[in-house]
Amino acid sequence: PGAWAPWLSQASMWAGKRADGLAYRFKSAPAASVLAPYRVETA
């Protein structure tokens, strides 16, 4: 298990940064532009 520890910590850090980036994108983007593709699919 010891050999996997560095890789797991890197993976968890990468996943956390990715999640933060997605959250920031959704917060900064206008709601209309975020929902537009879903409106097109349902219509």
PDB file of N, CA and C in Angstrom:
ATOM      1  N   PRO A   1       0.829  -1.229   0.000  1.00  0.00           N
ATOM      2  CA  PRO A   1       0.000   0.000   0.000  1.00  0.00           C
ATOM      3  C   PRO A   1       0.857   1.270   0.000  1.00  0.00           C
ATOM      4  N   GLY A   2       2.031   1.198   0.615  1.00  0.00           N
ATOM      5  CA  GLY A   2       2.875   2.384   0.718  1.00  0.00           C
ATOM      6  C   GLY A   2       3.248   2.957  -0.638  1.00  0.00           C
ATOM      7  N   ALA A   3       3.459   2.072  -1.629  1.00  0.00           N
ATOM      8  CA  ALA A   3       3.865   2.544  -2.952  1.00  0.00           C
ATOM      9  C   ALA A   3       2.735   3.309  -3.632  1.00  0.00           C
ATOM     10  N   TRP A   4       1.496   3.012  -3.268  1.00  0.00           N
ATOM     11  CA  TRP A   4       0.352   3.665  -3.914  1.00  0.00           C
ATOM     12  C   TRP A   4       0.042   5.032  -3.309  1.00  0.00           C
ATOM     13  N   ALA A   5       0.526   5.288  -2.099  1.00  0.00           N
ATOM     14  CA  ALA A   5       0.161   6.520  -1.394  1.00  0.00           C
ATOM     15  C   ALA A   5       0.441   7.786  -2.212  1.00  0.00           C
ATOM     16  N   PRO A   6       1.629   7.961  -2.802  1.00  0.00           N
ATOM     17  CA  PRO A   6       1.887   9.202  -3.560  1.00  0.00           C
ATOM     18  C   PRO A   6       0.931   9.354  -4.738  1.00  0.00           C
ATOM     19  N   TRP A   7       0.657   8.243  -5.440  1.00  0.00           N
ATOM     20  CA  TRP A   7      -0.230   8.311  -6.602  1.00  0.00           C
ATOM     21  C   TRP A   7      -1.649   8.674  -6.177  1.00  0.00           C
ATOM     22  N   LEU A   8      -2.102   8.075  -5.067  1.00  0.00           N
ATOM     23  CA  LEU A   8      -3.460   8.363  -4.600  1.00  0.00           C
ATOM     24  C   LEU A   8      -3.593   9.820  -4.177  1.00  0.00           C
ATOM     25  N   SER A   9      -2.573  10.354  -3.522  1.00  0.00           N
ATOM     26  CA  SER A   9      -2.649  11.750  -3.085  1.00  0.00           C
ATOM     27  C   SER A   9      -2.661  12.679  -4.297  1.00  0.00           C
ATOM     28  N   GLN A  10      -1.874  12.345  -5.328  1.00  0.00           N
ATOM     29  CA  GLN A  10      -1.873  13.161  -6.545  1.00  0.00           C
ATOM     30  C   GLN A  10      -3.241  13.101  -7.215  1.00  0.00           C
ATOM     31  N   ALA A  11      -3.838  11.908  -7.278  1.00  0.00           N
ATOM     32  CA  ALA A  11      -5.137  11.753  -7.927  1.00  0.00           C
ATOM     33  C   ALA A  11      -6.215  12.536  -7.182  1.00  0.00           C
ATOM     34  N   SER A  12      -6.179  12.482  -5.846  1.00  0.00           N
ATOM     35  CA  SER A  12      -7.194  13.201  -5.073  1.00  0.00           C
ATOM     36  C   SER A  12      -7.018  14.709  -5.224  1.00  0.00           C
ATOM     37  N   MET A  13      -5.765  15.172  -5.283  1.00  0.00           N
ATOM     38  CA  MET A  13      -5.525  16.608  -5.484  1.00  0.00           C
ATOM     39  C   MET A  13      -6.034  17.039  -6.853  1.00  0.00           C
ATOM     40  N   TRP A  14      -5.769  16.210  -7.884  1.00  0.00           N
ATOM     41  CA  TRP A  14      -6.206  16.537  -9.241  1.00  0.00           C
ATOM     42  C   TRP A  14      -7.732  16.584  -9.301  1.00  0.00           C
ATOM     43  N   ALA A  15      -8.391  15.606  -8.658  1.00  0.00           N
ATOM     44  CA  ALA A  15      -9.851  15.572  -8.665  1.00  0.00           C
ATOM     45  C   ALA A  15     -10.421  16.798  -7.956  1.00  0.00           C
ATOM     46  N   GLY A  16      -9.797  17.197  -6.847  1.00  0.00           N
ATOM     47  CA  GLY A  16     -10.274  18.371  -6.117  1.00  0.00           C
ATOM     48  C   GLY A  16     -10.131  19.633  -6.940  1.00  0.00           C
ATOM     49  N   LYS A  17      -8.991  19.775  -7.630  1.00  0.00           N
ATOM     50  CA  LYS A  17      -8.793  20.963  -8.466  1.00  0.00           C
ATOM     51  C   LYS A  17      -9.793  20.981  -9.610  1.00  0.00           C
ATOM     52  N   ARG A  18     -10.075  19.811 -10.194  1.00  0.00           N
ATOM     53  CA  ARG A  18     -11.021  19.729 -11.300  1.00  0.00           C
ATOM     54  C   ARG A  18     -12.419  20.122 -10.825  1.00  0.00           C
ATOM     55  N   ALA A  19     -12.819  19.617  -9.655  1.00  0.00           N
ATOM     56  CA  ALA A  19     -14.132  19.951  -9.112  1.00  0.00           C
ATOM     57  C   ALA A  19     -14.224  21.449  -8.826  1.00  0.00           C
ATOM     58  N   ASP A  20     -13.148  22.032  -8.274  1.00  0.00           N
ATOM     59  CA  ASP A  20     -13.150  23.471  -7.997  1.00  0.00           C
ATOM     60  C   ASP A  20     -13.291  24.256  -9.294  1.00  0.00           C
ATOM     61  N   GLY A  21     -12.597  23.819 -10.342  1.00  0.00           N
ATOM     62  CA  GLY A  21     -12.674  24.508 -11.628  1.00  0.00           C
ATOM     63  C   GLY A  21     -14.080  24.457 -12.202  1.00  0.00           C
ATOM     64  N   LEU A  22     -14.727  23.295 -12.100  1.00  0.00           N
ATOM     65  CA  LEU A  22     -16.083  23.170 -12.624  1.00  0.00           C
ATOM     66  C   LEU A  22     -17.039  24.053 -11.834  1.00  0.00           C
ATOM     67  N   ALA A  23     -16.908  24.062 -10.512  1.00  0.00           N
ATOM     68  CA  ALA A  23     -17.785  24.882  -9.679  1.00  0.00           C
ATOM     69  C   ALA A  23     -17.605  26.361 -10.020  1.00  0.00           C
ATOM     70  N   TYR A  24     -16.354  26.781 -10.218  1.00  0.00           N
ATOM     71  CA  TYR A  24     -16.085  28.181 -10.558  1.00  0.00           C
ATOM     72  C   TYR A  24     -16.716  28.527 -11.903  1.00  0.00           C
ATOM     73  N   ARG A  25     -16.637  27.598 -12.845  1.00  0.00           N
ATOM     74  CA  ARG A  25     -17.206  27.853 -14.166  1.00  0.00           C
ATOM     75  C   ARG A  25     -18.720  28.037 -14.070  1.00  0.00           C
ATOM     76  N   PHE A  26     -19.378  27.163 -13.303  1.00  0.00           N
ATOM     77  CA  PHE A  26     -20.832  27.252 -13.190  1.00  0.00           C
ATOM     78  C   PHE A  26     -21.246  28.533 -12.477  1.00  0.00           C
ATOM     79  N   LYS A  27     -20.443  28.948 -11.495  1.00  0.00           N
ATOM     80  CA  LYS A  27     -20.786  30.179 -10.762  1.00  0.00           C
ATOM     81  C   LYS A  27     -20.612  31.402 -11.652  1.00  0.00           C
ATOM     82  N   SER A  28     -19.544  31.421 -12.458  1.00  0.00           N
ATOM     83  CA  SER A  28     -19.241  32.616 -13.241  1.00  0.00           C
ATOM     84  C   SER A  28     -20.098  32.688 -14.506  1.00  0.00           C
ATOM     85  N   ALA A  29     -20.560  31.534 -15.005  1.00  0.00           N
ATOM     86  CA  ALA A  29     -21.350  31.551 -16.237  1.00  0.00           C
ATOM     87  C   ALA A  29     -22.788  31.955 -15.945  1.00  0.00           C
ATOM     88  N   PRO A  30     -23.392  32.736 -16.846  1.00  0.00           N
ATOM     89  CA  PRO A  30     -24.807  33.103 -16.672  1.00  0.00           C
ATOM     90  C   PRO A  30     -25.686  31.858 -16.713  1.00  0.00           C
ATOM     91  N   ALA A  31     -26.772  31.876 -15.955  1.00  0.00           N
ATOM     92  CA  ALA A  31     -27.654  30.712 -15.885  1.00  0.00           C
ATOM     93  C   ALA A  31     -28.213  30.373 -17.263  1.00  0.00           C
ATOM     94  N   ALA A  32     -28.519  31.369 -18.067  1.00  0.00           N
ATOM     95  CA  ALA A  32     -29.111  31.132 -19.382  1.00  0.00           C
ATOM     96  C   ALA A  32     -28.171  30.310 -20.263  1.00  0.00           C
ATOM     97  N   SER A  33     -26.884  30.657 -20.274  1.00  0.00           N
ATOM     98  CA  SER A  33     -25.946  29.944 -21.133  1.00  0.00           C
ATOM     99  C   SER A  33     -25.716  28.527 -20.619  1.00  0.00           C
ATOM    100  N   VAL A  34     -25.837  28.325 -19.305  1.00  0.00           N
ATOM    101  CA  VAL A  34     -25.654  26.989 -18.742  1.00  0.00           C
ATOM    102  C   VAL A  34     -26.847  26.104 -19.077  1.00  0.00           C
ATOM    103  N   LEU A  35     -28.052  26.678 -19.046  1.00  0.00           N
ATOM    104  CA  LEU A  35     -29.261  25.887 -19.265  1.00  0.00           C
ATOM    105  C   LEU A  35     -29.652  25.786 -20.737  1.00  0.00           C
ATOM    106  N   ALA A  36     -29.078  26.612 -21.597  1.00  0.00           N
ATOM    107  CA  ALA A  36     -29.472  26.642 -23.004  1.00  0.00           C
ATOM    108  C   ALA A  36     -29.432  25.260 -23.672  1.00  0.00           C
ATOM    109  N   PRO A  37     -28.350  24.497 -23.558  1.00  0.00           N
ATOM    110  CA  PRO A  37     -28.316  23.191 -24.235  1.00  0.00           C
ATOM    111  C   PRO A  37     -29.433  22.264 -23.770  1.00  0.00           C
ATOM    112  N   TYR A  38     -29.769  22.311 -22.481  1.00  0.00           N
ATOM    113  CA  TYR A  38     -30.826  21.442 -21.978  1.00  0.00           C
ATOM    114  C   TYR A  38     -32.181  21.883 -22.519  1.00  0.00           C
ATOM    115  N   ARG A  39     -32.375  23.193 -22.666  1.00  0.00           N
ATOM    116  CA  ARG A  39     -33.631  23.691 -23.226  1.00  0.00           C
ATOM    117  C   ARG A  39     -33.780  23.222 -24.672  1.00  0.00           C
ATOM    118  N   VAL A  40     -32.687  23.231 -25.419  1.00  0.00           N
ATOM    119  CA  VAL A  40     -32.752  22.805 -26.822  1.00  0.00           C
ATOM    120  C   VAL A  40     -33.113  21.325 -26.897  1.00  0.00           C
ATOM    121  N   GLU A  41     -32.550  20.513 -25.994  1.00  0.00           N
ATOM    122  CA  GLU A  41     -32.814  19.079 -26.029  1.00  0.00           C
ATOM    123  C   GLU A  41     -34.274  18.773 -25.702  1.00  0.00           C
ATOM    124  N   THR A  42     -34.837  19.484 -24.718  1.00  0.00           N
ATOM    125  CA  THR A  42     -36.207  19.191 -24.303  1.00  0.00           C
ATOM    126  C   THR A  42     -37.207  19.757 -25.299  1.00  0.00           C
ATOM    127  N   ALA A  43     -36.846  20.815 -26.029  1.00  0.00           N
ATOM    128  CA  ALA A  43     -37.780  21.456 -26.960  1.00  0.00           C
ATOM    129  C   ALA A  43     -37.775  20.759 -28.323  1.00  0.00           C
TER     130      ALA A  43
END
